[in-house]
Protein backbone atom coordinates (compact mmCIF):
# COMPACT_ATOMS: atom_id res chain seq x y z
CA MET A 1 186.19 114.97 189.44
CA GLY A 2 187.70 115.10 185.89
CA ALA A 3 184.80 116.66 184.35
CA GLU A 4 184.37 119.16 187.20
CA ALA A 5 188.02 120.20 186.90
CA ASP A 6 187.67 120.59 183.13
CA ARG A 7 184.68 122.81 183.54
CA SER A 8 186.63 124.76 186.11
CA ALA A 9 189.58 125.16 183.89
CA ARG A 10 187.39 126.34 180.94
CA GLY A 11 185.72 128.91 183.22
CA VAL A 12 188.94 130.39 184.36
CA GLN A 13 190.25 130.33 180.79
CA VAL A 14 187.24 132.44 179.62
CA ALA A 15 187.79 134.90 182.44
CA PHE A 16 191.47 135.17 181.71
CA VAL A 17 190.83 135.75 178.00
CA ALA A 18 188.61 138.60 179.01
CA VAL A 19 191.40 140.17 181.16
CA LEU A 20 193.79 139.75 178.22
CA LEU A 21 191.26 141.53 175.96
CA LEU A 22 190.82 144.30 178.47
CA LEU A 23 194.57 144.96 179.02
CA GLY A 24 195.69 144.13 175.47
CA ALA A 25 193.63 147.05 174.15
CA GLY A 26 195.82 149.42 176.09
CA CYS A 27 194.74 152.75 177.51
CA GLY A 28 194.02 154.61 174.31
CA GLY A 29 190.41 153.37 173.82
CA SER A 30 188.69 152.24 170.69
CA GLY A 31 188.36 155.68 168.98
CA SER A 32 184.79 154.87 168.15
CA ASP A 33 181.29 155.41 169.38
CA LYS A 34 177.71 154.39 168.65
CA ALA A 35 177.62 156.86 165.75
CA GLY A 36 180.50 154.87 164.07
CA GLY A 37 183.74 156.58 165.21
CA SER A 38 185.59 159.80 165.27
CA ASN A 39 188.14 161.29 162.84
CA ASP A 40 189.44 163.81 165.36
CA PRO A 41 193.06 163.25 166.48
CA LYS A 42 193.53 161.52 169.86
CA VAL A 43 194.09 164.00 172.70
CA VAL A 44 194.92 163.13 176.30
CA LEU A 45 193.76 165.67 178.83
CA THR A 46 194.81 165.85 182.41
CA LEU A 47 192.32 166.45 185.18
CA ALA A 48 193.24 167.51 188.78
CA GLU A 49 191.31 165.91 191.50
CA ILE A 50 192.17 167.08 194.97
CA ASP A 51 190.99 163.90 196.69
CA ALA A 52 193.77 161.30 196.92
CA ASP A 53 191.52 158.20 196.40
CA ALA A 54 188.35 157.03 194.89
CA THR A 55 185.83 158.54 197.30
CA THR A 56 185.15 161.28 194.76
CA ILE A 57 181.64 160.75 193.33
CA TRP A 58 181.68 163.07 190.39
CA ILE A 59 184.85 161.92 188.42
CA PRO A 60 183.88 158.45 187.02
CA ASP A 61 180.71 159.36 185.13
CA PHE A 62 181.98 162.74 183.83
CA VAL A 63 185.22 161.11 182.48
CA ALA A 64 183.19 158.25 180.96
CA ALA A 65 180.76 160.76 179.26
CA VAL A 66 183.52 162.85 177.84
CA GLU A 67 185.27 159.76 176.32
CA ARG A 68 181.95 158.40 174.87
CA LEU A 69 180.57 161.63 173.49
CA SER A 70 183.99 162.41 171.83
CA GLY A 71 183.92 159.08 170.10
CA GLY A 72 187.05 158.03 171.90
CA SER A 73 189.11 160.95 170.62
CA LEU A 74 189.39 162.38 174.20
CA GLU A 75 190.96 160.57 177.01
CA ILE A 76 191.03 162.04 180.53
CA ASP A 77 194.06 161.22 182.73
CA VAL A 78 192.83 161.82 186.25
CA LYS A 79 195.53 163.14 188.66
CA TYR A 80 194.25 162.09 192.09
CA GLY A 81 195.65 163.89 195.07
CA TRP A 82 196.62 166.93 193.01
CA GLY A 83 197.93 169.73 195.18
CA ALA A 84 198.90 167.44 198.00
CA SER A 85 201.60 169.85 198.87
CA TYR A 86 199.21 172.83 199.29
CA GLY A 87 197.66 173.84 202.49
CA VAL A 88 193.99 172.79 203.17
CA GLU A 89 192.84 176.35 203.09
CA ASP A 90 194.31 177.23 199.74
CA VAL A 91 194.30 173.84 197.86
CA GLU A 92 191.48 174.68 195.64
CA ALA A 93 192.64 178.32 194.93
CA SER A 94 195.99 177.01 194.02
CA THR A 95 194.61 174.40 191.86
CA ILE A 96 192.55 177.03 189.96
CA ALA A 97 195.85 178.87 189.27
CA ASP A 98 197.38 175.67 188.04
CA VAL A 99 194.68 175.19 185.52
CA LYS A 100 194.94 178.94 184.46
CA GLN A 101 198.76 178.55 184.07
CA GLY A 102 198.31 175.23 182.05
CA LYS A 103 199.97 172.94 184.54
CA VAL A 104 196.81 170.80 184.20
CA ASP A 105 194.20 170.90 181.57
CA LEU A 106 190.96 170.50 183.70
CA ALA A 107 190.03 170.47 187.40
CA GLU A 108 187.08 169.49 189.61
CA ILE A 109 186.39 172.41 191.88
CA ARG A 110 183.71 172.80 194.54
CA ALA A 111 181.35 175.68 193.64
CA ALA A 112 181.64 176.96 197.19
CA ALA A 113 185.42 177.43 196.78
CA TRP A 114 185.17 179.99 193.97
CA ASP A 115 184.47 182.95 196.28
CA SER A 116 187.95 182.35 197.82
CA VAL A 117 189.37 183.76 194.48
CA GLY A 118 186.71 186.38 193.98
CA VAL A 119 184.18 184.52 191.95
CA THR A 120 180.71 185.27 193.39
CA SER A 121 178.47 183.93 190.57
CA PHE A 122 177.72 180.69 192.38
CA ALA A 123 176.60 182.41 195.55
CA ALA A 124 172.79 182.19 194.90
CA LEU A 125 172.90 178.44 194.49
CA LEU A 126 175.02 178.18 197.76
CA ALA A 127 172.91 180.56 199.84
CA PRO A 128 171.94 179.27 203.34
CA PHE A 129 168.67 177.48 203.76
CA LEU A 130 167.61 178.10 200.20
CA VAL A 131 168.32 175.08 198.04
CA ASP A 132 167.32 172.34 200.54
CA SER A 133 166.45 169.50 198.30
CA VAL A 134 168.29 167.57 195.66
CA ALA A 135 165.29 168.01 193.24
CA LEU A 136 165.60 171.71 193.49
CA GLU A 137 169.36 171.71 193.08
CA GLN A 138 168.88 169.66 189.92
CA ARG A 139 166.38 172.06 188.63
CA VAL A 140 168.80 174.92 189.05
CA VAL A 141 171.86 173.22 187.48
CA GLU A 142 169.72 171.95 184.53
CA SER A 143 168.31 175.59 184.03
CA PRO A 144 169.95 178.47 182.05
CA LEU A 145 171.03 179.84 185.37
CA ALA A 146 173.98 177.35 185.43
CA GLN A 147 175.54 178.87 182.37
CA ARG A 148 175.23 182.39 183.95
CA MET A 149 176.95 181.00 187.05
CA LEU A 150 179.82 179.27 185.04
CA ALA A 151 180.44 182.47 183.04
CA GLY A 152 182.04 183.78 186.20
CA VAL A 153 185.22 181.88 185.75
CA ASP A 154 185.82 183.57 182.18
CA ASP A 155 188.12 186.15 183.60
CA PHE A 156 190.52 183.54 184.89
CA GLY A 157 191.31 182.42 181.38
CA LEU A 158 189.09 179.26 182.03
CA VAL A 159 186.09 177.65 180.38
CA GLY A 160 183.32 176.65 182.59
CA LEU A 161 182.39 173.25 181.31
CA ALA A 162 179.81 171.89 183.76
CA LEU A 163 177.93 172.58 186.90
CA LEU A 164 176.93 169.23 188.57
CA PRO A 165 174.69 168.61 191.51
CA GLY A 166 176.01 167.36 194.84
CA PRO A 167 174.73 166.12 198.12
CA LEU A 168 173.02 168.30 200.67
CA ARG A 169 175.16 169.63 203.58
CA TYR A 170 173.59 169.24 207.12
CA PRO A 171 174.64 170.35 210.72
CA LEU A 172 176.53 167.40 212.35
CA GLY A 173 176.75 167.96 215.96
CA ILE A 174 179.81 166.33 217.60
CA THR A 175 179.85 167.51 221.21
CA ARG A 176 176.17 168.78 221.22
CA PRO A 177 173.16 168.56 219.08
CA LEU A 178 172.77 171.41 216.58
CA THR A 179 168.98 171.62 216.48
CA ARG A 180 168.34 175.05 217.99
CA PRO A 181 170.27 178.52 217.76
CA SER A 182 171.68 178.12 221.21
CA GLY A 183 173.63 175.02 220.06
CA TYR A 184 175.69 177.30 217.79
CA ASP A 185 176.68 179.89 220.30
CA GLY A 186 180.36 179.86 220.57
CA ALA A 187 180.54 176.32 218.86
CA VAL A 188 183.63 175.59 216.74
CA ILE A 189 182.20 174.39 213.41
CA GLY A 190 184.32 172.79 210.77
CA LEU A 191 183.69 173.69 207.12
CA ARG A 192 185.45 173.49 203.80
CA PRO A 193 186.95 176.70 202.50
CA SER A 194 184.06 179.12 201.58
CA ARG A 195 183.79 182.84 202.53
CA LEU A 196 180.01 182.67 202.14
CA HIS A 197 179.52 179.68 204.42
CA ALA A 198 181.94 181.04 207.02
CA ALA A 199 179.79 184.25 207.09
CA ALA A 200 176.60 182.13 207.51
CA LEU A 201 178.10 180.19 210.42
CA ARG A 202 179.27 183.44 212.03
CA ALA A 203 175.70 184.77 211.71
CA LEU A 204 174.51 181.72 213.65
CA GLY A 205 176.92 182.58 216.48
CA ALA A 206 179.43 179.90 215.55
CA GLN A 207 183.20 180.06 215.13
CA PRO A 208 183.85 178.63 211.71
CA THR A 209 187.15 176.92 211.07
CA VAL A 210 188.68 175.13 208.11
CA PHE A 211 189.82 171.78 209.20
CA VAL A 212 191.88 168.87 207.82
CA PRO A 213 189.56 166.25 206.65
CA GLY A 214 189.54 163.35 209.25
CA SER A 215 190.76 165.58 212.07
CA ILE A 216 187.53 166.53 213.97
CA GLY A 217 188.72 166.07 217.63
CA GLU A 218 188.65 169.89 218.41
CA LEU A 219 185.28 170.54 216.65
CA ASP A 220 181.88 170.99 218.19
CA GLY A 221 180.14 170.27 214.94
CA MET A 222 180.66 170.49 211.23
CA GLU A 223 178.77 171.18 207.97
CA ILE A 224 178.75 167.86 206.06
CA ASP A 225 176.82 165.64 203.76
CA LEU A 226 175.79 162.03 204.21
CA VAL A 227 178.08 160.70 201.49
CA THR A 228 181.13 162.25 203.12
CA THR A 229 179.98 161.27 206.59
CA ARG A 230 179.80 157.77 205.50
CA TRP A 231 183.20 157.45 203.86
CA MET A 232 184.95 159.44 206.65
CA ARG A 233 182.81 157.71 209.44
CA TYR A 234 182.23 161.07 211.05
CA HIS A 235 178.94 159.79 212.55
CA GLU A 236 180.84 157.38 214.68
CA GLN A 237 182.34 160.26 216.75
CA ALA A 238 179.31 162.56 216.66
CA HIS A 239 176.24 163.27 218.69
CA SER A 240 173.66 163.53 215.91
CA LEU A 241 172.98 165.09 212.49
CA THR A 242 170.07 167.44 212.23
CA GLY A 243 168.20 165.82 209.34
CA ASN A 244 165.35 168.54 208.80
CA VAL A 245 167.95 171.42 208.43
CA VAL A 246 169.71 171.72 205.11
CA LEU A 247 172.40 174.34 205.30
CA TRP A 248 173.24 174.32 201.51
CA PRO A 249 174.14 171.89 198.68
CA ARG A 250 177.54 170.82 197.65
CA PRO A 251 177.63 171.26 193.68
CA ILE A 252 180.82 170.83 191.75
CA THR A 253 182.33 172.58 188.79
CA PHE A 254 184.43 171.20 186.07
CA VAL A 255 186.59 173.88 184.38
CA MET A 256 189.35 173.94 181.70
CA ASN A 257 192.25 176.02 180.53
CA ARG A 258 190.93 178.19 177.75
CA ARG A 259 193.94 177.70 175.39
CA ALA A 260 193.70 173.94 175.82
CA PHE A 261 190.01 173.95 175.08
CA GLU A 262 190.27 176.20 172.01
CA ALA A 263 192.89 173.74 170.46
CA LEU A 264 190.36 170.96 170.39
CA SER A 265 187.86 170.22 167.58
CA PRO A 266 184.32 171.44 167.71
CA ARG A 267 183.12 168.00 168.30
CA GLN A 268 185.59 167.56 171.20
CA GLN A 269 184.60 170.80 172.67
CA ALA A 270 180.87 169.81 172.49
CA ALA A 271 181.58 166.61 174.18
CA LEU A 272 183.21 168.33 177.15
CA ARG A 273 180.30 170.85 177.42
CA GLN A 274 177.69 167.96 177.25
CA ALA A 275 179.47 165.58 179.58
CA GLY A 276 177.97 167.11 182.73
CA ALA A 277 174.25 166.64 181.56
CA GLU A 278 175.16 163.17 180.39
CA ALA A 279 176.86 162.27 183.83
CA ALA A 280 174.21 163.93 186.03
CA PRO A 281 171.53 160.99 186.33
CA HIS A 282 174.37 158.52 187.11
CA LEU A 283 175.71 160.85 189.60
CA LEU A 284 172.35 161.51 191.43
CA ALA A 285 171.94 157.70 191.59
CA ARG A 286 175.46 157.31 193.08
CA ILE A 287 174.61 159.90 195.71
CA HIS A 288 171.32 158.25 196.53
CA ASP A 289 173.03 154.83 196.90
CA ASP A 290 175.80 156.19 199.18
CA GLU A 291 173.30 158.01 201.28
CA GLN A 292 171.00 154.90 201.74
CA ALA A 293 174.01 152.82 202.51
CA LEU A 294 174.67 155.05 205.61
CA LEU A 295 170.98 155.57 206.57
CA CYS A 296 170.11 151.76 206.26
CA SER A 297 173.36 150.68 208.12
CA PRO A 298 172.92 149.27 211.72
CA ARG A 299 175.78 151.55 212.57
CA GLY A 300 174.34 154.54 210.68
CA VAL A 301 174.10 158.09 211.61
CA ARG A 302 171.85 159.09 214.49
CA LEU A 303 169.29 161.75 213.18
CA ALA A 304 167.98 164.62 215.20
CA THR A 305 165.12 166.98 214.52
CA ALA A 306 164.81 170.74 215.01
CA SER A 307 161.55 172.09 215.99
CA ASP A 308 159.66 174.25 213.59
CA ALA A 309 160.26 177.34 215.68
CA ASP A 310 164.02 176.55 215.97
CA ALA A 311 164.27 175.94 212.26
CA ALA A 312 162.61 179.27 211.62
CA ALA A 313 164.90 181.02 214.02
CA LEU A 314 167.98 179.59 212.31
CA ARG A 315 166.72 180.82 208.89
CA ALA A 316 165.99 184.26 210.41
CA SER A 317 169.56 184.62 211.58
CA MET A 318 170.64 184.83 207.95
CA ARG A 319 168.97 188.17 207.22
CA SER A 320 172.40 190.07 207.35
CA VAL A 321 173.86 187.50 204.98
CA TYR A 322 171.16 187.87 202.43
CA ALA A 323 171.39 191.60 202.62
CA GLU A 324 175.01 191.40 201.73
CA LEU A 325 174.38 188.83 198.87
CA GLU A 326 171.84 191.09 197.33
CA GLN A 327 174.28 194.00 197.00
CA ASP A 328 175.60 192.06 193.90
CA ASP A 329 173.15 192.50 190.85
CA LEU A 330 173.81 189.04 189.41
CA THR A 331 173.40 187.30 192.78
CA ARG A 332 170.08 189.19 193.39
CA GLU A 333 168.73 188.18 189.97
CA LEU A 334 169.79 184.60 190.49
CA LEU A 335 168.27 184.45 193.99
CA ALA A 336 164.89 185.64 192.61
CA GLU A 337 165.00 182.94 189.89
CA ILE A 338 165.82 180.17 192.33
CA ARG A 339 162.99 181.24 194.57
CA ARG A 340 160.71 181.09 191.53
CA LEU A 341 161.94 177.61 190.65
CA ARG A 342 161.40 176.57 194.30
CA GLY A 343 157.75 177.93 194.28
CA SER A 344 155.80 177.38 197.39
CA ASP A 345 158.10 174.57 198.72
CA HIS A 346 159.87 177.38 200.96
CA ARG A 347 156.81 177.15 203.33
CA ALA A 348 157.60 173.58 204.34
CA GLY A 349 160.93 172.50 205.79
CA PRO A 350 162.97 169.86 204.16
CA ALA A 351 162.00 166.18 204.61
CA PRO A 352 164.56 164.39 206.82
CA PRO A 353 166.60 161.68 205.07
CA ARG A 354 165.41 158.15 205.74
CA CYS A 355 166.28 154.63 204.92
CA GLU A 356 164.19 153.35 201.87
CA ASP A 357 165.33 149.65 202.12
CA THR A 358 162.77 146.88 201.53
CA PRO A 359 162.90 143.17 202.22
CA GLU A 360 162.72 142.54 198.57
CA ARG A 361 165.96 144.36 197.87
CA ARG A 362 167.73 142.54 200.82
CA VAL A 363 166.85 139.23 199.28
CA ALA A 364 168.22 140.18 195.78
CA THR A 365 171.28 142.15 196.95
CA ASP A 366 172.85 142.00 200.40
CA PRO A 367 173.10 145.60 201.81
CA ARG A 368 176.50 144.94 203.35
CA LEU A 369 178.04 144.90 199.94
CA LEU A 370 176.79 148.34 199.04
CA GLY A 371 179.28 151.14 198.46
CA ARG A 372 182.87 151.33 197.23
CA TRP A 373 185.71 148.86 197.80
CA GLN A 374 189.30 149.35 196.78
CA ALA A 375 192.21 146.91 196.06
CA ARG A 376 195.74 147.57 194.83
CA PHE A 377 197.60 144.81 192.96
CA THR A 378 201.28 144.56 192.53
CA GLU A 379 202.82 143.03 189.47
CA GLN A 380 204.31 140.28 191.71
CA GLU A 381 200.88 139.47 193.14
CA LEU A 382 199.34 139.28 189.68
CA ILE A 383 202.24 137.13 188.31
CA GLY A 384 201.81 134.78 191.30
CA ALA A 385 198.15 134.34 190.38
CA GLY A 386 199.14 133.23 186.83
CA VAL A 387 198.86 136.51 184.95
CA PRO A 388 201.54 136.88 182.27
CA VAL A 389 204.25 139.54 183.09
CA ALA A 390 203.34 141.78 180.13
CA VAL A 391 199.66 141.81 181.28
CA ALA A 392 200.51 142.27 185.00
CA VAL A 393 202.54 145.37 184.19
CA LYS A 394 199.28 147.00 182.67
CA MET A 395 196.89 145.63 185.33
CA ALA A 396 198.92 146.62 188.41
CA GLY A 397 197.63 149.40 190.50
CA ALA A 398 194.50 150.48 192.17
CA TRP A 399 191.05 149.21 191.30
CA VAL A 400 187.76 150.59 192.65
CA MET A 401 184.61 148.40 192.65
CA GLU A 402 181.28 149.79 193.63
CA TYR A 403 178.09 148.07 194.52
CA ARG A 404 174.84 150.06 194.08
CA ARG A 405 171.20 149.46 194.95
CA GLY A 406 168.99 147.83 192.45
CA GLY A 407 171.58 145.16 191.79
CA ARG A 408 174.10 147.30 189.84
CA TRP A 409 177.93 147.28 190.04
CA ALA A 410 180.80 149.02 188.39
CA SER A 411 184.52 149.00 188.64
CA HIS A 412 187.45 151.17 187.30
CA HIS A 413 191.29 151.37 187.40
CA LEU A 414 192.39 154.70 188.98
CA LEU A 415 195.03 155.29 186.25
CA ARG A 416 194.34 153.10 183.25
CA GLY A 417 190.75 154.38 182.56
CA ALA A 418 189.26 150.84 182.32
CA VAL A 419 185.53 150.99 183.30
CA PHE A 420 183.30 147.93 183.83
CA SER A 421 179.57 147.76 184.76
CA GLY A 422 176.82 145.33 185.07
CA THR A 423 174.41 143.61 187.40
CA TYR A 424 174.69 141.26 190.36
CA VAL A 425 172.59 139.25 192.67
CA THR A 426 173.35 137.38 195.91
CA GLU A 427 172.05 134.27 197.50
CA GLY A 428 173.52 133.86 200.91
CA ASP A 429 177.20 133.96 200.58
CA VAL A 430 177.29 133.46 196.79
CA GLU A 431 177.46 136.47 194.29
CA LYS A 432 176.69 135.98 190.68
CA ARG A 433 177.95 139.02 188.67
CA THR A 434 177.11 139.74 185.04
CA THR A 435 179.25 142.09 182.88
CA GLU A 436 177.07 144.20 180.65
CA SER A 437 179.43 146.72 179.21
CA CYS A 438 183.03 148.23 179.47
CA ARG A 439 184.99 150.98 178.13
CA PRO A 440 186.45 150.58 175.52
CA ARG A 441 183.84 148.28 174.21
CA GLN A 442 186.29 145.50 173.01
CA TRP A 443 187.69 145.11 176.47
CA CYS A 444 184.95 142.74 177.56
CA THR A 445 182.39 140.19 176.35
CA PRO A 446 178.96 141.43 177.43
CA GLY A 447 176.93 138.77 179.13
CA THR A 448 179.88 137.07 180.94
CA VAL A 449 178.82 135.74 184.29
CA ASP A 450 181.28 135.07 187.16
CA GLU A 451 180.41 133.54 190.52
CA TYR A 452 182.14 133.73 193.90
CA THR A 453 181.42 133.07 197.57
CA TRP A 454 182.12 136.27 199.57
CA SER A 455 182.56 137.38 203.11
CA ILE A 456 183.25 140.66 205.03
CA TYR A 457 185.35 140.92 208.13
CA GLN A 458 186.49 144.15 209.59
CA ASP A 459 185.57 146.20 206.40
CA THR A 460 187.52 143.73 204.22
CA LEU A 461 185.64 142.03 201.42
CA THR A 462 187.04 138.64 200.32
CA PHE A 463 185.95 136.63 197.35
CA THR A 464 186.63 132.88 197.00
CA PRO A 465 186.32 130.88 193.74
CA ILE A 466 183.57 128.30 193.22
CA PRO A 467 184.92 125.03 191.67
CA GLY A 468 183.58 124.61 188.21
CA ARG A 469 182.29 128.14 187.83
CA PRO A 470 184.12 131.11 186.04
CA TYR A 471 185.70 134.01 187.90
CA GLN A 472 188.10 136.74 187.37
CA PRO A 473 191.49 135.90 188.93
CA ALA A 474 192.33 139.39 190.17
CA ASN A 475 189.19 139.51 192.38
CA VAL A 476 190.37 136.60 194.52
CA ILE A 477 194.07 137.53 194.99
CA LYS A 478 193.46 139.65 198.18
CA GLY A 479 190.77 141.43 200.09
CA TRP A 480 188.96 144.53 198.93
CA HIS A 481 188.86 147.41 201.59
CA ARG A 482 186.60 150.34 202.15
CA PRO A 483 188.30 153.60 201.02
CA ARG A 484 189.47 155.63 204.09
């Protein structure tokens, strides 16, 4: 027992030293990169994020890319829940105004929200039934078309930094299936603010309405993606999701106050402009993982299929919408370019989403862990676990941990900017987690391995230390919950 206790103590000591290294470095970062560092002055930029928690999928990789590409000279302070006092119909328009006025430096804005303030340059990408695969969406946002679309924000005193792909939006039927035109007649369909998408739903015979997220009791259906469906659990209250009908994609823009942008060095400006391309592959993997977690779940979404004739009739109902879109010269040109990028794909309907799980993956990583988990630690809880007071002050707050397919994990502090990533494997109720990297780099020791037993009960993930094996004390203080 004495030898086992000694090994356990050494394991906890190693893990605790890692925590001290992480927190002792502070929030400022290392000021260096793989090229050997940056001589630019350190600048902290604020970024408005409308969502109040960690369910956003675009923020983490974009922020990490900015800080890495700038050599640590740029730090992004994400303001989650920005505009909480604004109404749901004007929160994005008001946030755009806040960036223009310099109340915040940057913002993440849905591309579909720009037409609410008169910017129509993204309309071609968002046109109904046109971009119906993530692969096509990726081709568009990686093409020169993206810069032409982003230029539409120039008149607002803003700089369009990035146009990033997002998940596809499908019809989710709540009181009825939305597989044929008759299903839309008089149906109250919920949507996020967008003049274009509201017009498209009206052309289908529906009554579009902007709704408060989570409040769907009075809706007959909604336009939604699989990622949001999973996190908000809309599928638990719905009839079915029409998997072979893609309404439009949900791309995201990052924009910045022009005065704040011009005050930066050329290297910092380049880092902000390049961060989108750097983040895109990680983002697409994150979208795929979230979708698979829903599709492969025993309590996953029920999929419905529209017949070829019904799908064709739905597309035909958009003639008036396209006639209006093509009145704008830029939109008409961009629509033609997107159709060219799409090629002959338009003749076949989109492939319905499906679970891609395999027995081999289930052996290596338990699918129940997949997705995001969140925990909030108080100073008192950390101190009670043995964390020194000075360290507990820095460590307190909300942490998000994400398990991805292929045995990848990542975690970050919502306010402090700490980001960790690595690999994991599970054997029954034992998880072995390896830390491969962190930001800043001196905050961790690559190759560190922690081990726990784990269990899930009512969407609460609990870790328990294994005697004699190293672990991170914060992980075992309390349960981790699915973000609501």
